[in-house]
């Protein structure tokens, strides 16, 4: 925006023991640019903002501006200053922060900071006996689902490894909270977030085969 400011100057000269006033007035025009090309600002507002030569034509012009108000367009990247801890005050839903203590980005969902990207956690991470909801909440994420890695724990008179492995992958539950019946649910290892993390027996045919599974949570 080009602002023109008209300034009226009155010239005052000081002499030894006397004051000389020049009664001539001169009107000059000073042309300034706002914001100036360089400067520090406590606050700066714009409908839309471009940083750098975003369209690659080797010049800065209106063609570099994003198409709609409320947009920020950068020619290369946005650098987030690493934070040692997540902000507590004056946080807004949608805010994005990089925490360097665990090399992770977090976004604020209006009530909690949620790390970006999915994590798989289980008993080996110290969450044995906790539900998927509890474990994911402990790391600031939301539980997507609990998954199981099913395997043959013991076999005595099993007709065959393939047959018993199929039993362990499909015919199981043992009434575990949150654990889906393999065949009944049409799933072999996907469970609700009410399922507890750890190793549990999922199927038992005494004297024939015992199936166990490791349960882990998918956190987003």
N, C-alpha and C. Protein backbone atom coordinates (compact mmCIF):
# COMPACT_ATOMS: atom_id res chain seq x y z
N UNK A 1 0.86 -1.18 0.00
CA UNK A 1 0.00 0.00 0.00
C UNK A 1 0.89 1.22 0.00
N UNK A 2 0.66 2.17 -0.89
CA UNK A 2 1.47 3.37 -1.03
C UNK A 2 0.79 4.50 -0.30
N UNK A 3 1.47 5.04 0.73
CA UNK A 3 0.93 6.17 1.49
C UNK A 3 1.72 7.41 1.17
N UNK A 4 1.04 8.52 0.93
CA UNK A 4 1.71 9.79 0.71
C UNK A 4 1.38 10.72 1.88
N UNK A 5 2.40 11.29 2.50
CA UNK A 5 2.22 12.13 3.67
C UNK A 5 2.72 13.53 3.33
N UNK A 6 1.85 14.51 3.48
CA UNK A 6 2.22 15.90 3.23
C UNK A 6 2.74 16.50 4.53
N UNK A 7 3.94 17.11 4.48
CA UNK A 7 4.55 17.66 5.68
C UNK A 7 4.83 19.14 5.45
N UNK A 8 4.44 20.00 6.40
CA UNK A 8 4.71 21.44 6.34
C UNK A 8 5.89 21.73 7.27
N UNK A 9 6.95 22.32 6.72
CA UNK A 9 8.14 22.63 7.50
C UNK A 9 8.20 24.11 7.80
N UNK A 10 8.49 24.42 9.04
CA UNK A 10 8.76 25.81 9.45
C UNK A 10 10.21 25.86 9.88
N UNK A 11 11.00 26.67 9.20
CA UNK A 11 12.44 26.75 9.47
C UNK A 11 12.70 27.74 10.58
N UNK A 12 13.41 27.32 11.59
CA UNK A 12 13.76 28.19 12.72
C UNK A 12 15.28 28.21 12.84
N UNK A 13 15.87 29.41 12.82
CA UNK A 13 17.32 29.55 12.91
C UNK A 13 17.67 30.24 14.22
N UNK A 14 18.68 29.77 14.87
CA UNK A 14 19.12 30.36 16.14
C UNK A 14 20.42 31.13 15.89
N UNK A 15 20.46 32.34 16.37
CA UNK A 15 21.65 33.17 16.27
C UNK A 15 22.12 33.58 17.65
N UNK A 16 23.25 34.24 17.72
CA UNK A 16 23.79 34.66 19.00
C UNK A 16 22.94 35.79 19.54
N UNK A 17 22.21 35.55 20.59
CA UNK A 17 21.42 36.58 21.25
C UNK A 17 20.16 36.96 20.52
N UNK A 18 19.85 36.28 19.46
CA UNK A 18 18.64 36.65 18.73
C UNK A 18 18.04 35.40 18.10
N UNK A 19 16.76 35.50 17.77
CA UNK A 19 16.05 34.42 17.11
C UNK A 19 15.60 34.92 15.76
N UNK A 20 15.93 34.18 14.78
CA UNK A 20 15.54 34.55 13.43
C UNK A 20 14.52 33.54 12.94
N UNK A 21 13.34 34.01 12.63
CA UNK A 21 12.28 33.17 12.11
C UNK A 21 12.11 33.42 10.63
N UNK A 22 12.20 32.40 9.90
CA UNK A 22 11.99 32.51 8.47
C UNK A 22 10.52 32.26 8.20
N UNK A 23 9.86 33.25 7.68
CA UNK A 23 8.42 33.17 7.47
C UNK A 23 8.03 32.49 6.17
N UNK A 24 8.98 31.77 5.62
CA UNK A 24 8.66 31.06 4.38
C UNK A 24 8.24 29.64 4.72
N UNK A 25 7.16 29.18 4.17
CA UNK A 25 6.68 27.82 4.35
C UNK A 25 6.86 27.04 3.05
N UNK A 26 7.40 25.83 3.21
CA UNK A 26 7.62 25.00 2.04
C UNK A 26 6.86 23.69 2.22
N UNK A 27 6.10 23.33 1.26
CA UNK A 27 5.32 22.10 1.30
C UNK A 27 6.04 21.03 0.49
N UNK A 28 6.34 19.88 1.18
CA UNK A 28 7.00 18.78 0.48
C UNK A 28 6.16 17.52 0.65
N UNK A 29 6.34 16.59 -0.23
CA UNK A 29 5.64 15.31 -0.18
C UNK A 29 6.65 14.19 0.03
N UNK A 30 6.41 13.35 1.06
CA UNK A 30 7.26 12.21 1.33
C UNK A 30 6.49 10.95 0.97
N UNK A 31 7.08 10.12 0.16
CA UNK A 31 6.45 8.86 -0.24
C UNK A 31 7.03 7.71 0.57
N UNK A 32 6.17 6.97 1.25
CA UNK A 32 6.62 5.82 2.05
C UNK A 32 5.86 4.58 1.63
N UNK A 33 6.41 3.46 1.97
CA UNK A 33 5.77 2.18 1.72
C UNK A 33 5.43 1.52 3.06
N UNK A 34 4.23 1.00 3.18
CA UNK A 34 3.83 0.33 4.42
C UNK A 34 3.26 -1.05 4.08
N UNK A 35 3.73 -2.10 4.70
CA UNK A 35 4.90 -2.11 5.61
C UNK A 35 6.19 -1.82 4.85
N UNK A 36 7.17 -1.37 5.56
CA UNK A 36 8.44 -1.07 4.91
C UNK A 36 9.12 -2.38 4.53
N UNK A 37 10.05 -2.36 3.58
CA UNK A 37 10.74 -3.59 3.18
C UNK A 37 11.44 -4.29 4.33
N UNK A 38 11.91 -3.55 5.31
CA UNK A 38 12.58 -4.12 6.47
C UNK A 38 11.97 -3.53 7.73
N UNK A 39 11.99 -4.32 8.79
CA UNK A 39 11.48 -3.79 10.05
C UNK A 39 11.02 -4.89 10.97
N UNK A 40 10.79 -4.54 12.22
CA UNK A 40 10.28 -5.46 13.23
C UNK A 40 8.90 -5.00 13.65
N UNK A 41 7.99 -5.96 13.80
CA UNK A 41 6.61 -5.63 14.10
C UNK A 41 6.12 -6.49 15.26
N UNK A 42 5.40 -5.88 16.19
CA UNK A 42 4.76 -6.64 17.25
C UNK A 42 3.56 -7.40 16.71
N UNK A 43 2.86 -6.81 15.77
CA UNK A 43 1.70 -7.43 15.16
C UNK A 43 1.68 -7.12 13.67
N UNK A 44 1.30 -8.08 12.86
CA UNK A 44 1.21 -7.87 11.42
C UNK A 44 0.04 -8.70 10.91
N UNK A 45 -0.89 -8.06 10.24
CA UNK A 45 -2.05 -8.74 9.71
C UNK A 45 -2.11 -8.59 8.19
N UNK A 46 -2.54 -9.65 7.54
CA UNK A 46 -2.69 -9.61 6.09
C UNK A 46 -3.81 -10.57 5.70
N UNK A 47 -4.52 -10.26 4.63
CA UNK A 47 -5.56 -11.16 4.15
C UNK A 47 -4.97 -12.45 3.59
N UNK A 48 -3.84 -12.31 2.92
CA UNK A 48 -3.12 -13.46 2.41
C UNK A 48 -1.65 -13.07 2.32
N UNK A 49 -0.77 -14.08 2.40
CA UNK A 49 0.65 -13.78 2.50
C UNK A 49 1.47 -14.80 1.72
N UNK A 50 2.42 -14.28 0.94
CA UNK A 50 3.35 -15.13 0.19
C UNK A 50 4.76 -14.86 0.69
N UNK A 51 5.54 -15.93 0.86
CA UNK A 51 6.93 -15.80 1.28
C UNK A 51 7.81 -16.37 0.18
N UNK A 52 8.58 -15.49 -0.48
CA UNK A 52 9.47 -15.94 -1.54
C UNK A 52 8.80 -15.99 -2.90
N UNK A 53 9.57 -16.43 -3.87
CA UNK A 53 9.11 -16.53 -5.26
C UNK A 53 8.34 -17.83 -5.43
N UNK A 54 7.08 -17.82 -5.06
CA UNK A 54 6.30 -19.06 -5.02
C UNK A 54 5.97 -19.63 -6.40
N UNK A 55 5.92 -18.80 -7.43
CA UNK A 55 5.59 -19.32 -8.76
C UNK A 55 6.83 -19.55 -9.63
N UNK A 56 8.02 -19.28 -9.08
CA UNK A 56 9.25 -19.60 -9.77
C UNK A 56 9.57 -18.77 -11.00
N UNK A 57 9.04 -17.54 -11.07
CA UNK A 57 9.33 -16.71 -12.25
C UNK A 57 10.49 -15.74 -12.01
N UNK A 58 11.24 -15.95 -10.93
CA UNK A 58 12.43 -15.17 -10.61
C UNK A 58 12.13 -13.73 -10.23
N UNK A 59 10.92 -13.45 -9.81
CA UNK A 59 10.61 -12.11 -9.33
C UNK A 59 9.46 -12.19 -8.31
N UNK A 60 9.40 -11.17 -7.47
CA UNK A 60 8.33 -11.09 -6.49
C UNK A 60 7.25 -10.17 -7.03
N UNK A 61 6.05 -10.69 -7.15
CA UNK A 61 4.95 -9.91 -7.70
C UNK A 61 3.63 -10.45 -7.17
N UNK A 62 2.54 -9.83 -7.59
CA UNK A 62 1.22 -10.27 -7.16
C UNK A 62 0.93 -11.70 -7.59
N UNK A 63 1.65 -12.17 -8.62
CA UNK A 63 1.45 -13.54 -9.10
C UNK A 63 1.88 -14.58 -8.08
N UNK A 64 2.66 -14.17 -7.07
CA UNK A 64 3.11 -15.09 -6.05
C UNK A 64 2.08 -15.30 -4.95
N UNK A 65 1.07 -14.45 -4.90
CA UNK A 65 0.10 -14.51 -3.82
C UNK A 65 -0.80 -15.74 -3.92
N UNK A 66 -1.19 -16.32 -2.77
CA UNK A 66 -2.15 -17.43 -2.80
C UNK A 66 -3.50 -16.94 -3.29
N UNK A 67 -4.36 -17.84 -3.74
CA UNK A 67 -5.60 -17.42 -4.39
C UNK A 67 -6.69 -16.91 -3.46
N UNK A 68 -6.69 -17.31 -2.20
CA UNK A 68 -7.81 -16.93 -1.34
C UNK A 68 -7.31 -16.27 -0.06
N UNK A 69 -8.14 -15.43 0.52
CA UNK A 69 -7.81 -14.81 1.79
C UNK A 69 -7.66 -15.86 2.88
N UNK A 70 -6.76 -15.58 3.82
CA UNK A 70 -6.54 -16.52 4.91
C UNK A 70 -5.53 -17.60 4.59
N UNK A 71 -4.82 -17.49 3.45
CA UNK A 71 -3.85 -18.51 3.06
C UNK A 71 -2.43 -17.98 3.15
N UNK A 72 -1.51 -18.88 3.52
CA UNK A 72 -0.09 -18.59 3.55
C UNK A 72 0.59 -19.50 2.54
N UNK A 73 1.40 -18.92 1.67
CA UNK A 73 2.05 -19.68 0.61
C UNK A 73 3.55 -19.42 0.71
N UNK A 74 4.35 -20.49 0.85
CA UNK A 74 5.79 -20.33 0.95
C UNK A 74 6.47 -20.98 -0.24
N UNK A 75 7.56 -20.36 -0.68
CA UNK A 75 8.29 -20.87 -1.83
C UNK A 75 9.09 -22.12 -1.49
N UNK A 76 9.36 -22.34 -0.19
CA UNK A 76 10.17 -23.50 0.16
C UNK A 76 9.61 -24.28 1.34
N UNK A 77 9.64 -23.72 2.53
CA UNK A 77 9.23 -24.50 3.70
C UNK A 77 8.86 -23.59 4.86
N UNK A 78 8.28 -24.20 5.89
CA UNK A 78 8.00 -23.52 7.14
C UNK A 78 8.86 -24.17 8.21
N UNK A 79 9.60 -23.37 8.96
CA UNK A 79 10.47 -23.89 10.00
C UNK A 79 9.81 -23.65 11.35
N UNK A 80 9.63 -24.74 12.13
CA UNK A 80 9.06 -24.65 13.46
C UNK A 80 10.18 -24.65 14.50
N UNK A 81 10.21 -23.65 15.35
CA UNK A 81 11.22 -23.62 16.40
C UNK A 81 10.98 -24.78 17.36
N UNK A 82 11.99 -25.64 17.59
CA UNK A 82 11.80 -26.78 18.49
C UNK A 82 11.43 -26.32 19.90
N UNK A 83 10.44 -26.99 20.49
CA UNK A 83 9.98 -26.68 21.84
C UNK A 83 10.40 -27.80 22.78
N UNK A 84 10.85 -27.43 23.97
CA UNK A 84 11.22 -28.44 24.96
C UNK A 84 10.01 -29.08 25.61
N UNK A 85 8.88 -28.37 25.61
CA UNK A 85 7.63 -28.90 26.16
C UNK A 85 6.47 -28.32 25.37
N UNK A 86 5.32 -28.93 25.48
CA UNK A 86 4.15 -28.47 24.75
C UNK A 86 3.52 -27.27 25.44
N UNK A 87 3.10 -26.25 24.69
CA UNK A 87 2.51 -25.05 25.28
C UNK A 87 1.29 -25.37 26.14
N UNK A 88 1.12 -24.59 27.20
CA UNK A 88 0.01 -24.77 28.13
C UNK A 88 -0.99 -23.62 28.02
N UNK A 89 -0.49 -22.40 27.81
CA UNK A 89 -1.35 -21.22 27.79
C UNK A 89 -1.59 -20.72 26.36
N UNK A 90 -2.76 -20.12 26.17
CA UNK A 90 -3.11 -19.47 24.89
C UNK A 90 -2.96 -20.42 23.70
N UNK A 91 -3.36 -21.65 23.85
CA UNK A 91 -3.31 -22.60 22.75
C UNK A 91 -4.64 -22.60 22.00
N UNK A 92 -4.58 -22.82 20.71
CA UNK A 92 -5.76 -22.81 19.86
C UNK A 92 -5.90 -24.15 19.14
N UNK A 93 -7.13 -24.56 18.92
CA UNK A 93 -7.40 -25.78 18.17
C UNK A 93 -6.80 -25.64 16.77
N UNK A 94 -6.05 -26.66 16.36
CA UNK A 94 -5.39 -26.63 15.06
C UNK A 94 -3.95 -26.18 15.13
N UNK A 95 -3.46 -25.77 16.31
CA UNK A 95 -2.08 -25.32 16.45
C UNK A 95 -1.13 -26.50 16.27
N UNK A 96 0.00 -26.25 15.63
CA UNK A 96 0.99 -27.28 15.34
C UNK A 96 2.31 -26.90 15.98
N UNK A 97 2.92 -27.85 16.69
CA UNK A 97 4.15 -27.60 17.44
C UNK A 97 5.12 -28.76 17.23
N UNK A 98 6.41 -28.44 17.15
CA UNK A 98 7.44 -29.49 17.08
C UNK A 98 8.14 -29.56 18.43
N UNK A 99 8.10 -30.76 19.06
CA UNK A 99 8.79 -30.96 20.34
C UNK A 99 10.06 -31.75 20.09
N UNK A 100 11.21 -31.16 20.47
CA UNK A 100 12.48 -31.80 20.13
C UNK A 100 12.88 -32.89 21.11
N UNK A 101 12.23 -32.98 22.28
CA UNK A 101 12.60 -34.00 23.25
C UNK A 101 12.34 -35.41 22.73
N UNK A 102 11.33 -35.55 21.87
CA UNK A 102 11.06 -36.87 21.27
C UNK A 102 10.94 -36.79 19.75
N UNK A 103 11.41 -35.66 19.17
CA UNK A 103 11.47 -35.51 17.71
C UNK A 103 10.11 -35.79 17.07
N UNK A 104 9.05 -35.11 17.58
CA UNK A 104 7.69 -35.39 17.14
C UNK A 104 6.88 -34.11 16.98
N UNK A 105 6.05 -34.07 15.95
CA UNK A 105 5.10 -32.98 15.78
C UNK A 105 3.81 -33.30 16.53
N UNK A 106 3.18 -32.27 17.10
CA UNK A 106 1.91 -32.41 17.80
C UNK A 106 0.92 -31.37 17.28
N UNK A 107 -0.35 -31.74 17.23
CA UNK A 107 -1.38 -30.76 16.93
C UNK A 107 -2.37 -30.73 18.10
N UNK A 108 -2.97 -29.54 18.32
CA UNK A 108 -3.89 -29.37 19.43
C UNK A 108 -5.31 -29.55 18.91
N UNK A 109 -6.05 -30.49 19.51
CA UNK A 109 -7.39 -30.82 19.01
C UNK A 109 -8.51 -30.09 19.74
N UNK A 110 -8.13 -29.11 20.53
CA UNK A 110 -9.13 -28.35 21.27
C UNK A 110 -9.12 -28.66 22.75
N UNK A 111 -8.57 -29.83 23.11
CA UNK A 111 -8.49 -30.20 24.52
C UNK A 111 -7.16 -30.86 24.87
N UNK A 112 -6.53 -31.51 23.89
CA UNK A 112 -5.27 -32.22 24.15
C UNK A 112 -4.30 -32.05 22.98
N UNK A 113 -3.02 -32.18 23.30
CA UNK A 113 -2.00 -32.25 22.26
C UNK A 113 -1.91 -33.68 21.77
N UNK A 114 -2.02 -33.89 20.46
CA UNK A 114 -2.00 -35.21 19.86
C UNK A 114 -0.79 -35.31 18.93
N UNK A 115 0.05 -36.32 19.16
CA UNK A 115 1.21 -36.49 18.30
C UNK A 115 0.76 -36.96 16.91
N UNK A 116 1.50 -36.55 15.90
CA UNK A 116 1.14 -36.85 14.52
C UNK A 116 1.84 -38.14 14.08
N UNK A 117 1.07 -39.03 13.48
CA UNK A 117 1.60 -40.32 13.05
C UNK A 117 1.15 -41.41 14.00
N UNK A 118 1.02 -42.62 13.49
CA UNK A 118 0.53 -43.74 14.30
C UNK A 118 1.67 -44.41 15.05
N UNK A 119 1.39 -44.81 16.29
CA UNK A 119 2.31 -45.57 17.10
C UNK A 119 1.69 -46.92 17.42
N UNK A 120 2.50 -47.96 17.48
CA UNK A 120 2.04 -49.27 17.93
C UNK A 120 2.69 -49.53 19.28
N UNK A 121 1.87 -49.70 20.33
CA UNK A 121 2.40 -49.91 21.66
C UNK A 121 1.78 -51.16 22.27
N UNK A 122 2.51 -51.79 23.17
CA UNK A 122 2.02 -53.02 23.78
C UNK A 122 2.61 -53.23 25.16
N UNK A 123 2.55 -54.48 25.61
CA UNK A 123 3.04 -54.82 26.94
C UNK A 123 4.53 -54.51 27.08
N UNK A 124 5.28 -54.67 25.99
CA UNK A 124 6.72 -54.45 26.05
C UNK A 124 7.05 -52.99 26.33
N UNK A 125 6.08 -52.10 26.14
CA UNK A 125 6.28 -50.68 26.41
C UNK A 125 5.77 -50.28 27.79
N UNK A 126 5.36 -51.26 28.57
CA UNK A 126 4.91 -50.98 29.93
C UNK A 126 3.42 -50.81 30.08
N UNK A 127 2.63 -51.28 29.10
CA UNK A 127 1.18 -51.08 29.15
C UNK A 127 0.40 -52.39 29.31
N UNK A 128 1.06 -53.42 29.83
CA UNK A 128 0.38 -54.70 30.03
C UNK A 128 -0.82 -54.52 30.97
N UNK A 129 -1.96 -55.08 30.57
CA UNK A 129 -3.16 -55.00 31.39
C UNK A 129 -4.00 -53.77 31.15
N UNK A 130 -3.48 -52.79 30.43
CA UNK A 130 -4.25 -51.59 30.12
C UNK A 130 -5.03 -51.79 28.83
N UNK A 131 -6.18 -51.15 28.73
CA UNK A 131 -6.93 -51.22 27.49
C UNK A 131 -6.24 -50.36 26.43
N UNK A 132 -6.64 -50.54 25.19
CA UNK A 132 -6.10 -49.71 24.13
C UNK A 132 -6.36 -48.24 24.38
N UNK A 133 -7.56 -47.93 24.89
CA UNK A 133 -7.90 -46.54 25.22
C UNK A 133 -6.93 -45.97 26.24
N UNK A 134 -6.69 -46.72 27.30
CA UNK A 134 -5.83 -46.23 28.38
C UNK A 134 -4.39 -46.05 27.92
N UNK A 135 -3.89 -47.02 27.17
CA UNK A 135 -2.49 -46.97 26.73
C UNK A 135 -2.26 -45.81 25.78
N UNK A 136 -3.14 -45.62 24.81
CA UNK A 136 -2.97 -44.54 23.84
C UNK A 136 -3.12 -43.18 24.50
N UNK A 137 -4.05 -43.08 25.43
CA UNK A 137 -4.25 -41.82 26.14
C UNK A 137 -2.99 -41.45 26.93
N UNK A 138 -2.27 -42.44 27.41
CA UNK A 138 -1.06 -42.19 28.19
C UNK A 138 0.04 -41.53 27.37
N UNK A 139 0.02 -41.70 26.06
CA UNK A 139 1.03 -41.07 25.20
C UNK A 139 0.43 -39.91 24.41
N UNK A 140 -0.75 -39.44 24.84
CA UNK A 140 -1.35 -38.28 24.21
C UNK A 140 -1.96 -38.54 22.85
N UNK A 141 -2.40 -39.78 22.61
CA UNK A 141 -3.01 -40.12 21.33
C UNK A 141 -4.36 -40.79 21.54
N UNK A 142 -5.06 -40.99 20.43
CA UNK A 142 -6.35 -41.68 20.47
C UNK A 142 -6.20 -43.09 19.92
N UNK A 143 -6.90 -44.04 20.54
CA UNK A 143 -6.82 -45.44 20.11
C UNK A 143 -7.64 -45.64 18.83
N UNK A 144 -7.00 -46.24 17.83
CA UNK A 144 -7.69 -46.58 16.59
C UNK A 144 -8.27 -47.99 16.68
N UNK A 145 -7.45 -48.95 17.16
CA UNK A 145 -7.87 -50.34 17.29
C UNK A 145 -6.79 -51.11 18.04
N UNK A 146 -7.13 -52.28 18.48
CA UNK A 146 -6.16 -53.19 19.07
C UNK A 146 -5.98 -54.36 18.11
N UNK A 147 -4.75 -54.77 17.88
CA UNK A 147 -4.48 -55.88 16.99
C UNK A 147 -3.80 -57.01 17.77
N UNK A 148 -3.99 -58.25 17.29
CA UNK A 148 -3.37 -59.39 17.97
C UNK A 148 -2.48 -60.15 17.00
N UNK A 149 -1.38 -60.67 17.55
CA UNK A 149 -0.47 -61.53 16.80
C UNK A 149 -0.66 -62.94 17.38
N UNK A 150 -1.40 -63.77 16.66
CA UNK A 150 -1.81 -65.07 17.17
C UNK A 150 -0.78 -66.15 16.84
N UNK A 151 -0.59 -67.09 17.77
CA UNK A 151 0.38 -68.14 17.55
C UNK A 151 0.03 -69.38 18.39
N UNK A 152 0.63 -70.52 18.05
CA UNK A 152 0.43 -71.75 18.81
C UNK A 152 1.34 -71.72 20.03
N UNK A 153 0.73 -71.76 21.19
CA UNK A 153 1.52 -71.78 22.43
C UNK A 153 1.93 -73.20 22.79
N UNK A 154 0.98 -74.12 22.68
CA UNK A 154 1.27 -75.53 22.98
C UNK A 154 0.46 -76.41 22.03
N UNK A 155 1.01 -77.52 21.60
CA UNK A 155 0.23 -78.52 20.85
C UNK A 155 0.69 -79.91 21.28
N UNK A 156 -0.31 -80.78 21.52
CA UNK A 156 -0.02 -82.14 21.96
C UNK A 156 -0.45 -83.12 20.88
N UNK A 157 -1.73 -83.22 20.65
CA UNK A 157 -2.26 -84.14 19.65
C UNK A 157 -2.86 -83.38 18.47
N UNK A 158 -2.20 -82.28 18.09
CA UNK A 158 -2.71 -81.47 16.99
C UNK A 158 -2.62 -82.25 15.68
N UNK A 159 -3.70 -82.27 14.90
CA UNK A 159 -3.71 -83.01 13.62
C UNK A 159 -2.63 -82.54 12.65
N UNK A 160 -2.23 -81.30 12.77
CA UNK A 160 -1.22 -80.78 11.85
C UNK A 160 -0.99 -79.31 12.14
N UNK A 161 0.23 -78.86 11.86
CA UNK A 161 0.57 -77.47 12.16
C UNK A 161 -0.33 -76.49 11.42
N UNK A 162 -0.61 -76.77 10.15
CA UNK A 162 -1.45 -75.87 9.36
C UNK A 162 -2.85 -75.80 9.94
N UNK A 163 -3.40 -76.95 10.30
CA UNK A 163 -4.75 -77.00 10.87
C UNK A 163 -4.81 -76.21 12.18
N UNK A 164 -3.84 -76.42 13.06
CA UNK A 164 -3.87 -75.76 14.36
C UNK A 164 -3.57 -74.27 14.24
N UNK A 165 -2.74 -73.89 13.29
CA UNK A 165 -2.48 -72.47 13.09
C UNK A 165 -3.74 -71.77 12.63
N UNK A 166 -4.51 -72.45 11.79
CA UNK A 166 -5.78 -71.89 11.34
C UNK A 166 -6.75 -71.75 12.52
N UNK A 167 -6.73 -72.73 13.40
CA UNK A 167 -7.55 -72.65 14.60
C UNK A 167 -7.17 -71.42 15.42
N UNK A 168 -5.88 -71.20 15.60
CA UNK A 168 -5.40 -70.06 16.39
C UNK A 168 -5.73 -68.72 15.73
N UNK A 169 -5.80 -68.71 14.40
CA UNK A 169 -6.07 -67.47 13.68
C UNK A 169 -7.56 -67.18 13.57
N UNK A 170 -8.42 -68.19 13.71
CA UNK A 170 -9.84 -67.99 13.46
C UNK A 170 -10.73 -68.32 14.64
N UNK A 171 -10.54 -69.52 15.23
CA UNK A 171 -11.46 -69.96 16.28
C UNK A 171 -10.91 -69.56 17.64
N UNK A 172 -11.21 -68.36 18.08
CA UNK A 172 -10.67 -67.94 19.36
C UNK A 172 -11.53 -66.86 19.99
N UNK A 173 -11.33 -66.65 21.25
CA UNK A 173 -11.86 -65.53 22.01
C UNK A 173 -11.58 -65.70 23.49
N UNK A 174 -12.01 -66.86 24.06
CA UNK A 174 -11.85 -67.10 25.50
C UNK A 174 -12.54 -66.01 26.32
N UNK A 175 -13.55 -65.34 25.71
CA UNK A 175 -14.32 -64.30 26.40
C UNK A 175 -13.47 -63.16 26.94
N UNK A 176 -12.42 -62.83 26.22
CA UNK A 176 -11.57 -61.71 26.62
C UNK A 176 -12.27 -60.39 26.30
N UNK A 177 -12.28 -59.43 27.22
CA UNK A 177 -12.96 -58.15 26.99
C UNK A 177 -12.44 -57.45 25.75
N UNK A 178 -13.34 -57.04 24.88
CA UNK A 178 -12.97 -56.28 23.70
C UNK A 178 -12.40 -57.09 22.56
N UNK A 179 -12.17 -58.40 22.76
CA UNK A 179 -11.56 -59.23 21.72
C UNK A 179 -12.66 -59.81 20.83
N UNK A 180 -12.52 -59.63 19.55
CA UNK A 180 -13.51 -60.11 18.59
C UNK A 180 -13.39 -61.63 18.40
N UNK A 181 -14.53 -62.30 18.24
CA UNK A 181 -14.51 -63.71 17.85
C UNK A 181 -14.00 -63.79 16.42
N UNK A 182 -12.92 -64.55 16.21
CA UNK A 182 -12.31 -64.60 14.89
C UNK A 182 -13.29 -64.95 13.78
N UNK A 183 -13.92 -66.11 13.85
CA UNK A 183 -14.83 -66.54 12.79
C UNK A 183 -16.13 -65.76 12.82
N UNK A 184 -16.67 -65.54 14.03
CA UNK A 184 -17.95 -64.87 14.14
C UNK A 184 -17.90 -63.44 13.61
N UNK A 185 -16.78 -62.75 13.84
CA UNK A 185 -16.65 -61.36 13.42
C UNK A 185 -16.08 -61.23 12.00
N UNK A 186 -15.60 -62.34 11.45
CA UNK A 186 -15.00 -62.27 10.13
C UNK A 186 -13.64 -61.60 10.13
N UNK A 187 -13.02 -61.52 11.30
CA UNK A 187 -11.71 -60.89 11.43
C UNK A 187 -10.80 -61.83 12.20
N UNK A 188 -9.52 -61.79 11.89
CA UNK A 188 -8.63 -62.70 12.60
C UNK A 188 -7.72 -62.01 13.60
N UNK A 189 -7.63 -60.68 13.59
CA UNK A 189 -6.74 -60.05 14.56
C UNK A 189 -7.05 -58.58 14.85
N UNK A 190 -8.25 -58.11 14.53
CA UNK A 190 -8.61 -56.71 14.77
C UNK A 190 -9.67 -56.65 15.86
N UNK A 191 -9.41 -55.85 16.89
CA UNK A 191 -10.28 -55.82 18.05
C UNK A 191 -10.61 -54.38 18.44
N UNK A 192 -11.54 -54.24 19.37
CA UNK A 192 -11.92 -52.90 19.83
C UNK A 192 -10.87 -52.39 20.80
N UNK A 193 -10.92 -51.09 21.08
CA UNK A 193 -9.94 -50.47 21.98
C UNK A 193 -10.20 -50.83 23.43
N UNK A 194 -11.28 -51.59 23.70
CA UNK A 194 -11.53 -52.09 25.06
C UNK A 194 -10.66 -53.30 25.37
N UNK A 195 -10.06 -53.90 24.36
CA UNK A 195 -9.20 -55.06 24.57
C UNK A 195 -7.94 -54.65 25.34
N UNK A 196 -7.47 -55.53 26.20
CA UNK A 196 -6.30 -55.24 27.02
C UNK A 196 -5.02 -55.69 26.33
N UNK A 197 -3.98 -54.93 26.58
CA UNK A 197 -2.69 -55.22 25.96
C UNK A 197 -1.93 -56.26 26.77
N UNK A 198 -1.16 -57.08 26.08
CA UNK A 198 -0.40 -58.12 26.74
C UNK A 198 -0.55 -59.45 26.02
N UNK A 199 -0.08 -60.52 26.66
CA UNK A 199 -0.22 -61.86 26.08
C UNK A 199 -1.32 -62.61 26.81
N UNK A 200 -2.28 -63.14 26.03
CA UNK A 200 -3.40 -63.86 26.63
C UNK A 200 -3.71 -65.11 25.82
N UNK A 201 -4.28 -66.11 26.50
CA UNK A 201 -4.74 -67.31 25.83
C UNK A 201 -6.05 -67.00 25.14
N UNK A 202 -6.10 -67.26 23.84
CA UNK A 202 -7.30 -66.94 23.06
C UNK A 202 -8.12 -68.17 22.71
N UNK A 203 -7.50 -69.34 22.74
CA UNK A 203 -8.22 -70.59 22.42
C UNK A 203 -7.54 -71.74 23.14
N UNK A 204 -8.36 -72.67 23.66
CA UNK A 204 -7.80 -73.81 24.36
C UNK A 204 -8.63 -75.05 24.11
N UNK A 205 -8.00 -76.06 23.55
CA UNK A 205 -8.59 -77.39 23.40
C UNK A 205 -7.68 -78.31 24.22
N UNK A 206 -8.05 -78.60 25.48
CA UNK A 206 -7.16 -79.35 26.38
C UNK A 206 -6.63 -80.63 25.76
N UNK A 207 -5.33 -80.80 25.83
CA UNK A 207 -4.69 -82.00 25.31
C UNK A 207 -4.49 -81.98 23.81
N UNK A 208 -4.92 -80.92 23.15
CA UNK A 208 -4.77 -80.83 21.70
C UNK A 208 -3.93 -79.60 21.32
N UNK A 209 -4.45 -78.41 21.58
CA UNK A 209 -3.74 -77.20 21.21
C UNK A 209 -4.14 -76.04 22.11
N UNK A 210 -3.18 -75.19 22.37
CA UNK A 210 -3.43 -73.93 23.12
C UNK A 210 -2.93 -72.78 22.27
N UNK A 211 -3.80 -71.80 22.05
CA UNK A 211 -3.43 -70.62 21.24
C UNK A 211 -3.32 -69.39 22.14
N UNK A 212 -2.27 -68.64 21.92
CA UNK A 212 -2.09 -67.36 22.62
C UNK A 212 -1.95 -66.25 21.58
N UNK A 213 -1.99 -65.02 22.08
CA UNK A 213 -1.81 -63.87 21.19
C UNK A 213 -1.20 -62.72 21.97
N UNK A 214 -0.38 -61.94 21.27
CA UNK A 214 0.13 -60.67 21.81
C UNK A 214 -0.81 -59.57 21.32
N UNK A 215 -1.30 -58.75 22.24
CA UNK A 215 -2.23 -57.67 21.88
C UNK A 215 -1.52 -56.32 21.98
N UNK A 216 -1.61 -55.54 20.93
CA UNK A 216 -0.99 -54.22 20.88
C UNK A 216 -2.02 -53.19 20.38
N UNK A 217 -1.80 -51.95 20.71
CA UNK A 217 -2.73 -50.88 20.32
C UNK A 217 -2.15 -50.05 19.19
N UNK A 218 -3.00 -49.64 18.27
CA UNK A 218 -2.65 -48.69 17.22
C UNK A 218 -3.16 -47.33 17.66
N UNK A 219 -2.26 -46.40 17.87
CA UNK A 219 -2.60 -45.07 18.40
C UNK A 219 -2.36 -44.00 17.34
N UNK A 220 -3.33 -43.10 17.15
CA UNK A 220 -3.19 -42.00 16.21
C UNK A 220 -3.27 -40.66 16.95
